[in-house]
Amino acid sequence: MSANEIITEFDKLSAREQEEVFALIAGKFVAKQAPNSNPWLGKKLSFDEACEIVFCENRELFALLAK
């Protein structure tokens, strides 16, 4: 499945389901990071704040997914 197909399917999900998928993906990225590399870990963030962090810290990945 291509990145475009994944994004198309993602867009079909409800807002709640999209948040769940996003949280899962963000969790996978966080698990791979060095323990001291993310000062925001452990803080309660809003969905928008979490999006900002994940998209900024993984800009290259999302650029590849967009292709």
PDB file of N, CA and C in Angstrom:
ATOM      1  N   MET A   1       0.854  -1.175   0.000  1.00  0.00           N
ATOM      2  CA  MET A   1       0.000   0.000   0.000  1.00  0.00           C
ATOM      3  C   MET A   1       0.900   1.238   0.000  1.00  0.00           C
ATOM      4  N   SER A   2       0.603   2.174  -0.843  1.00  0.00           N
ATOM      5  CA  SER A   2       1.408   3.393  -0.931  1.00  0.00           C
ATOM      6  C   SER A   2       1.034   4.369   0.179  1.00  0.00           C
ATOM      7  N   ALA A   3       1.886   5.356   0.377  1.00  0.00           N
ATOM      8  CA  ALA A   3       1.612   6.385   1.385  1.00  0.00           C
ATOM      9  C   ALA A   3       0.328   7.140   1.040  1.00  0.00           C
ATOM     10  N   ASN A   4       0.108   7.408  -0.236  1.00  0.00           N
ATOM     11  CA  ASN A   4      -1.118   8.114  -0.641  1.00  0.00           C
ATOM     12  C   ASN A   4      -2.364   7.293  -0.323  1.00  0.00           C
ATOM     13  N   GLU A   5      -2.273   5.977  -0.535  1.00  0.00           N
ATOM     14  CA  GLU A   5      -3.413   5.115  -0.219  1.00  0.00           C
ATOM     15  C   GLU A   5      -3.673   5.091   1.287  1.00  0.00           C
ATOM     16  N   ILE A   6      -2.609   5.072   2.067  1.00  0.00           N
ATOM     17  CA  ILE A   6      -2.748   5.089   3.523  1.00  0.00           C
ATOM     18  C   ILE A   6      -3.408   6.386   3.974  1.00  0.00           C
ATOM     19  N   ILE A   7      -2.952   7.497   3.429  1.00  0.00           N
ATOM     20  CA  ILE A   7      -3.515   8.797   3.800  1.00  0.00           C
ATOM     21  C   ILE A   7      -4.978   8.894   3.380  1.00  0.00           C
ATOM     22  N   THR A   8      -5.317   8.357   2.220  1.00  0.00           N
ATOM     23  CA  THR A   8      -6.711   8.348   1.767  1.00  0.00           C
ATOM     24  C   THR A   8      -7.579   7.568   2.739  1.00  0.00           C
ATOM     25  N   GLU A   9      -7.101   6.408   3.165  1.00  0.00           N
ATOM     26  CA  GLU A   9      -7.844   5.602   4.135  1.00  0.00           C
ATOM     27  C   GLU A   9      -7.927   6.310   5.485  1.00  0.00           C
ATOM     28  N   PHE A  10      -6.840   6.954   5.889  1.00  0.00           N
ATOM     29  CA  PHE A  10      -6.808   7.701   7.145  1.00  0.00           C
ATOM     30  C   PHE A  10      -7.859   8.800   7.138  1.00  0.00           C
ATOM     31  N   ASP A  11      -7.977   9.500   6.020  1.00  0.00           N
ATOM     32  CA  ASP A  11      -8.950  10.593   5.898  1.00  0.00           C
ATOM     33  C   ASP A  11     -10.399  10.109   6.019  1.00  0.00           C
ATOM     34  N   LYS A  12     -10.640   8.832   5.779  1.00  0.00           N
ATOM     35  CA  LYS A  12     -11.994   8.274   5.876  1.00  0.00           C
ATOM     36  C   LYS A  12     -12.395   7.983   7.322  1.00  0.00           C
ATOM     37  N   LEU A  13     -11.426   7.960   8.226  1.00  0.00           N
ATOM     38  CA  LEU A  13     -11.708   7.663   9.629  1.00  0.00           C
ATOM     39  C   LEU A  13     -12.380   8.844  10.313  1.00  0.00           C
ATOM     40  N   SER A  14     -13.086   8.549  11.391  1.00  0.00           N
ATOM     41  CA  SER A  14     -13.676   9.621  12.198  1.00  0.00           C
ATOM     42  C   SER A  14     -12.555  10.376  12.899  1.00  0.00           C
ATOM     43  N   ALA A  15     -12.868  11.552  13.410  1.00  0.00           N
ATOM     44  CA  ALA A  15     -11.857  12.363  14.100  1.00  0.00           C
ATOM     45  C   ALA A  15     -11.264  11.594  15.281  1.00  0.00           C
ATOM     46  N   ARG A  16     -12.103  10.879  16.022  1.00  0.00           N
ATOM     47  CA  ARG A  16     -11.628  10.111  17.179  1.00  0.00           C
ATOM     48  C   ARG A  16     -10.678   9.002  16.730  1.00  0.00           C
ATOM     49  N   GLU A  17     -11.026   8.307  15.657  1.00  0.00           N
ATOM     50  CA  GLU A  17     -10.171   7.240  15.151  1.00  0.00           C
ATOM     51  C   GLU A  17      -8.847   7.805  14.621  1.00  0.00           C
ATOM     52  N   GLN A  18      -8.908   8.974  13.979  1.00  0.00           N
ATOM     53  CA  GLN A  18      -7.677   9.602  13.502  1.00  0.00           C
ATOM     54  C   GLN A  18      -6.766   9.944  14.669  1.00  0.00           C
ATOM     55  N   GLU A  19      -7.332  10.449  15.749  1.00  0.00           N
ATOM     56  CA  GLU A  19      -6.537  10.762  16.940  1.00  0.00           C
ATOM     57  C   GLU A  19      -5.899   9.505  17.512  1.00  0.00           C
ATOM     58  N   GLU A  20      -6.632   8.395  17.522  1.00  0.00           N
ATOM     59  CA  GLU A  20      -6.097   7.135  18.033  1.00  0.00           C
ATOM     60  C   GLU A  20      -4.924   6.654  17.175  1.00  0.00           C
ATOM     61  N   VAL A  21      -5.087   6.728  15.856  1.00  0.00           N
ATOM     62  CA  VAL A  21      -4.012   6.319  14.947  1.00  0.00           C
ATOM     63  C   VAL A  21      -2.799   7.222  15.144  1.00  0.00           C
ATOM     64  N   PHE A  22      -3.046   8.507  15.243  1.00  0.00           N
ATOM     65  CA  PHE A  22      -1.956   9.456  15.425  1.00  0.00           C
ATOM     66  C   PHE A  22      -1.208   9.170  16.726  1.00  0.00           C
ATOM     67  N   ALA A  23      -1.944   8.916  17.793  1.00  0.00           N
ATOM     68  CA  ALA A  23      -1.315   8.617  19.086  1.00  0.00           C
ATOM     69  C   ALA A  23      -0.466   7.353  18.991  1.00  0.00           C
ATOM     70  N   LEU A  24      -0.960   6.357  18.281  1.00  0.00           N
ATOM     71  CA  LEU A  24      -0.186   5.123  18.094  1.00  0.00           C
ATOM     72  C   LEU A  24       1.119   5.386  17.340  1.00  0.00           C
ATOM     73  N   ILE A  25       1.019   6.140  16.259  1.00  0.00           N
ATOM     74  CA  ILE A  25       2.206   6.462  15.459  1.00  0.00           C
ATOM     75  C   ILE A  25       3.179   7.305  16.272  1.00  0.00           C
ATOM     76  N   ALA A  26       2.666   8.301  16.960  1.00  0.00           N
ATOM     77  CA  ALA A  26       3.526   9.150  17.791  1.00  0.00           C
ATOM     78  C   ALA A  26       4.220   8.317  18.855  1.00  0.00           C
ATOM     79  N   GLY A  27       3.500   7.378  19.446  1.00  0.00           N
ATOM     80  CA  GLY A  27       4.090   6.510  20.461  1.00  0.00           C
ATOM     81  C   GLY A  27       5.231   5.676  19.909  1.00  0.00           C
ATOM     82  N   LYS A  28       5.087   5.218  18.693  1.00  0.00           N
ATOM     83  CA  LYS A  28       6.168   4.441  18.063  1.00  0.00           C
ATOM     84  C   LYS A  28       7.412   5.297  17.862  1.00  0.00           C
ATOM     85  N   PHE A  29       7.228   6.550  17.475  1.00  0.00           N
ATOM     86  CA  PHE A  29       8.366   7.437  17.298  1.00  0.00           C
ATOM     87  C   PHE A  29       9.032   7.749  18.630  1.00  0.00           C
ATOM     88  N   VAL A  30       8.218   8.000  19.642  1.00  0.00           N
ATOM     89  CA  VAL A  30       8.749   8.318  20.963  1.00  0.00           C
ATOM     90  C   VAL A  30       9.557   7.151  21.501  1.00  0.00           C
ATOM     91  N   ALA A  31       9.073   5.939  21.300  1.00  0.00           N
ATOM     92  CA  ALA A  31       9.758   4.753  21.810  1.00  0.00           C
ATOM     93  C   ALA A  31      11.146   4.588  21.191  1.00  0.00           C
ATOM     94  N   LYS A  32      11.338   5.107  19.990  1.00  0.00           N
ATOM     95  CA  LYS A  32      12.625   4.964  19.304  1.00  0.00           C
ATOM     96  C   LYS A  32      13.611   6.074  19.641  1.00  0.00           C
ATOM     97  N   GLN A  33      13.171   7.104  20.351  1.00  0.00           N
ATOM     98  CA  GLN A  33      14.025   8.250  20.651  1.00  0.00           C
ATOM     99  C   GLN A  33      14.902   7.986  21.874  1.00  0.00           C
ATOM    100  N   ALA A  34      16.022   8.667  21.936  1.00  0.00           N
ATOM    101  CA  ALA A  34      16.888   8.608  23.107  1.00  0.00           C
ATOM    102  C   ALA A  34      16.148   9.222  24.294  1.00  0.00           C
ATOM    103  N   PRO A  35      16.365   8.715  25.511  1.00  0.00           N
ATOM    104  CA  PRO A  35      15.588   9.180  26.659  1.00  0.00           C
ATOM    105  C   PRO A  35      15.688  10.674  26.956  1.00  0.00           C
ATOM    106  N   ASN A  36      16.801  11.320  26.667  1.00  0.00           N
ATOM    107  CA  ASN A  36      16.957  12.743  26.979  1.00  0.00           C
ATOM    108  C   ASN A  36      16.708  13.654  25.789  1.00  0.00           C
ATOM    109  N   SER A  37      16.273  13.099  24.677  1.00  0.00           N
ATOM    110  CA  SER A  37      16.149  13.912  23.470  1.00  0.00           C
ATOM    111  C   SER A  37      14.835  14.683  23.374  1.00  0.00           C
ATOM    112  N   ASN A  38      13.855  14.340  24.167  1.00  0.00           N
ATOM    113  CA  ASN A  38      12.542  14.983  24.056  1.00  0.00           C
ATOM    114  C   ASN A  38      12.089  15.547  25.394  1.00  0.00           C
ATOM    115  N   PRO A  39      12.367  16.815  25.665  1.00  0.00           N
ATOM    116  CA  PRO A  39      11.985  17.395  26.946  1.00  0.00           C
ATOM    117  C   PRO A  39      10.473  17.473  27.156  1.00  0.00           C
ATOM    118  N   TRP A  40       9.697  17.274  26.102  1.00  0.00           N
ATOM    119  CA  TRP A  40       8.245  17.344  26.217  1.00  0.00           C
ATOM    120  C   TRP A  40       7.638  16.028  26.685  1.00  0.00           C
ATOM    121  N   LEU A  41       8.438  14.949  26.746  1.00  0.00           N
ATOM    122  CA  LEU A  41       7.908  13.655  27.193  1.00  0.00           C
ATOM    123  C   LEU A  41       7.384  13.755  28.616  1.00  0.00           C
ATOM    124  N   GLY A  42       6.280  13.115  28.875  1.00  0.00           N
ATOM    125  CA  GLY A  42       5.701  13.113  30.206  1.00  0.00           C
ATOM    126  C   GLY A  42       4.811  14.300  30.497  1.00  0.00           C
ATOM    127  N   LYS A  43       4.777  15.252  29.586  1.00  0.00           N
ATOM    128  CA  LYS A  43       3.908  16.414  29.776  1.00  0.00           C
ATOM    129  C   LYS A  43       2.566  16.133  29.121  1.00  0.00           C
ATOM    130  N   LYS A  44       1.510  16.656  29.694  1.00  0.00           N
ATOM    131  CA  LYS A  44       0.187  16.498  29.109  1.00  0.00           C
ATOM    132  C   LYS A  44       0.044  17.538  28.002  1.00  0.00           C
ATOM    133  N   LEU A  45      -0.062  17.058  26.781  1.00  0.00           N
ATOM    134  CA  LEU A  45      -0.170  17.944  25.619  1.00  0.00           C
ATOM    135  C   LEU A  45      -1.547  17.811  24.988  1.00  0.00           C
ATOM    136  N   SER A  46      -2.003  18.881  24.409  1.00  0.00           N
ATOM    137  CA  SER A  46      -3.241  18.807  23.631  1.00  0.00           C
ATOM    138  C   SER A  46      -2.924  18.082  22.328  1.00  0.00           C
ATOM    139  N   PHE A  47      -3.953  17.662  21.634  1.00  0.00           N
ATOM    140  CA  PHE A  47      -3.758  16.995  20.358  1.00  0.00           C
ATOM    141  C   PHE A  47      -2.977  17.893  19.391  1.00  0.00           C
ATOM    142  N   ASP A  48      -3.330  19.181  19.339  1.00  0.00           N
ATOM    143  CA  ASP A  48      -2.651  20.118  18.436  1.00  0.00           C
ATOM    144  C   ASP A  48      -1.179  20.281  18.802  1.00  0.00           C
ATOM    145  N   GLU A  49      -0.881  20.351  20.097  1.00  0.00           N
ATOM    146  CA  GLU A  49       0.517  20.473  20.533  1.00  0.00           C
ATOM    147  C   GLU A  49       1.300  19.218  20.160  1.00  0.00           C
ATOM    148  N   ALA A  50       0.686  18.058  20.356  1.00  0.00           N
ATOM    149  CA  ALA A  50       1.348  16.800  19.999  1.00  0.00           C
ATOM    150  C   ALA A  50       1.593  16.723  18.494  1.00  0.00           C
ATOM    151  N   CYS A  51       0.609  17.160  17.706  1.00  0.00           N
ATOM    152  CA  CYS A  51       0.769  17.177  16.242  1.00  0.00           C
ATOM    153  C   CYS A  51       1.952  18.043  15.846  1.00  0.00           C
ATOM    154  N   GLU A  52       2.031  19.209  16.426  1.00  0.00           N
ATOM    155  CA  GLU A  52       3.115  20.136  16.112  1.00  0.00           C
ATOM    156  C   GLU A  52       4.470  19.495  16.371  1.00  0.00           C
ATOM    157  N   ILE A  53       4.608  18.854  17.510  1.00  0.00           N
ATOM    158  CA  ILE A  53       5.876  18.221  17.874  1.00  0.00           C
ATOM    159  C   ILE A  53       6.204  17.074  16.931  1.00  0.00           C
ATOM    160  N   VAL A  54       5.233  16.180  16.729  1.00  0.00           N
ATOM    161  CA  VAL A  54       5.500  15.006  15.893  1.00  0.00           C
ATOM    162  C   VAL A  54       5.809  15.410  14.460  1.00  0.00           C
ATOM    163  N   PHE A  55       5.037  16.329  13.913  1.00  0.00           N
ATOM    164  CA  PHE A  55       5.277  16.726  12.525  1.00  0.00           C
ATOM    165  C   PHE A  55       6.588  17.489  12.373  1.00  0.00           C
ATOM    166  N   CYS A  56       6.957  18.304  13.342  1.00  0.00           N
ATOM    167  CA  CYS A  56       8.218  19.046  13.262  1.00  0.00           C
ATOM    168  C   CYS A  56       9.410  18.117  13.425  1.00  0.00           C
ATOM    169  N   GLU A  57       9.320  17.174  14.361  1.00  0.00           N
ATOM    170  CA  GLU A  57      10.449  16.285  14.620  1.00  0.00           C
ATOM    171  C   GLU A  57      10.596  15.194  13.562  1.00  0.00           C
ATOM    172  N   ASN A  58       9.574  14.988  12.760  1.00  0.00           N
ATOM    173  CA  ASN A  58       9.605  13.918  11.760  1.00  0.00           C
ATOM    174  C   ASN A  58       9.269  14.446  10.373  1.00  0.00           C
ATOM    175  N   ARG A  59       9.719  15.660  10.116  1.00  0.00           N
ATOM    176  CA  ARG A  59       9.414  16.330   8.850  1.00  0.00           C
ATOM    177  C   ARG A  59       9.831  15.486   7.638  1.00  0.00           C
ATOM    178  N   GLU A  60      11.013  14.865   7.703  1.00  0.00           N
ATOM    179  CA  GLU A  60      11.496  14.073   6.570  1.00  0.00           C
ATOM    180  C   GLU A  60      10.589  12.878   6.294  1.00  0.00           C
ATOM    181  N   LEU A  61      10.159  12.205   7.349  1.00  0.00           N
ATOM    182  CA  LEU A  61       9.285  11.052   7.176  1.00  0.00           C
ATOM    183  C   LEU A  61       7.975  11.463   6.514  1.00  0.00           C
ATOM    184  N   PHE A  62       7.359  12.520   7.003  1.00  0.00           N
ATOM    185  CA  PHE A  62       6.081  12.937   6.438  1.00  0.00           C
ATOM    186  C   PHE A  62       6.253  13.474   5.022  1.00  0.00           C
ATOM    187  N   ALA A  63       7.392  14.046   4.703  1.00  0.00           N
ATOM    188  CA  ALA A  63       7.659  14.477   3.323  1.00  0.00           C
ATOM    189  C   ALA A  63       7.728  13.259   2.410  1.00  0.00           C
ATOM    190  N   LEU A  64       8.352  12.184   2.893  1.00  0.00           N
ATOM    191  CA  LEU A  64       8.400  10.950   2.099  1.00  0.00           C
ATOM    192  C   LEU A  64       7.014  10.330   1.951  1.00  0.00           C
ATOM    193  N   LEU A  65       6.241  10.352   3.015  1.00  0.00           N
ATOM    194  CA  LEU A  65       4.883   9.808   2.942  1.00  0.00           C
ATOM    195  C   LEU A  65       4.008  10.585   1.976  1.00  0.00           C
ATOM    196  N   ALA A  66       4.267  11.874   1.856  1.00  0.00           N
ATOM    197  CA  ALA A  66       3.467  12.722   0.968  1.00  0.00           C
ATOM    198  C   ALA A  66       3.738  12.472  -0.506  1.00  0.00           C
ATOM    199  N   LYS A  67       4.885  11.868  -0.794  1.00  0.00           N
ATOM    200  CA  LYS A  67       5.253  11.633  -2.202  1.00  0.00           C
ATOM    201  C   LYS A  67       4.419  10.533  -2.819  1.00  0.00           C
TER     202      LYS A  67
END
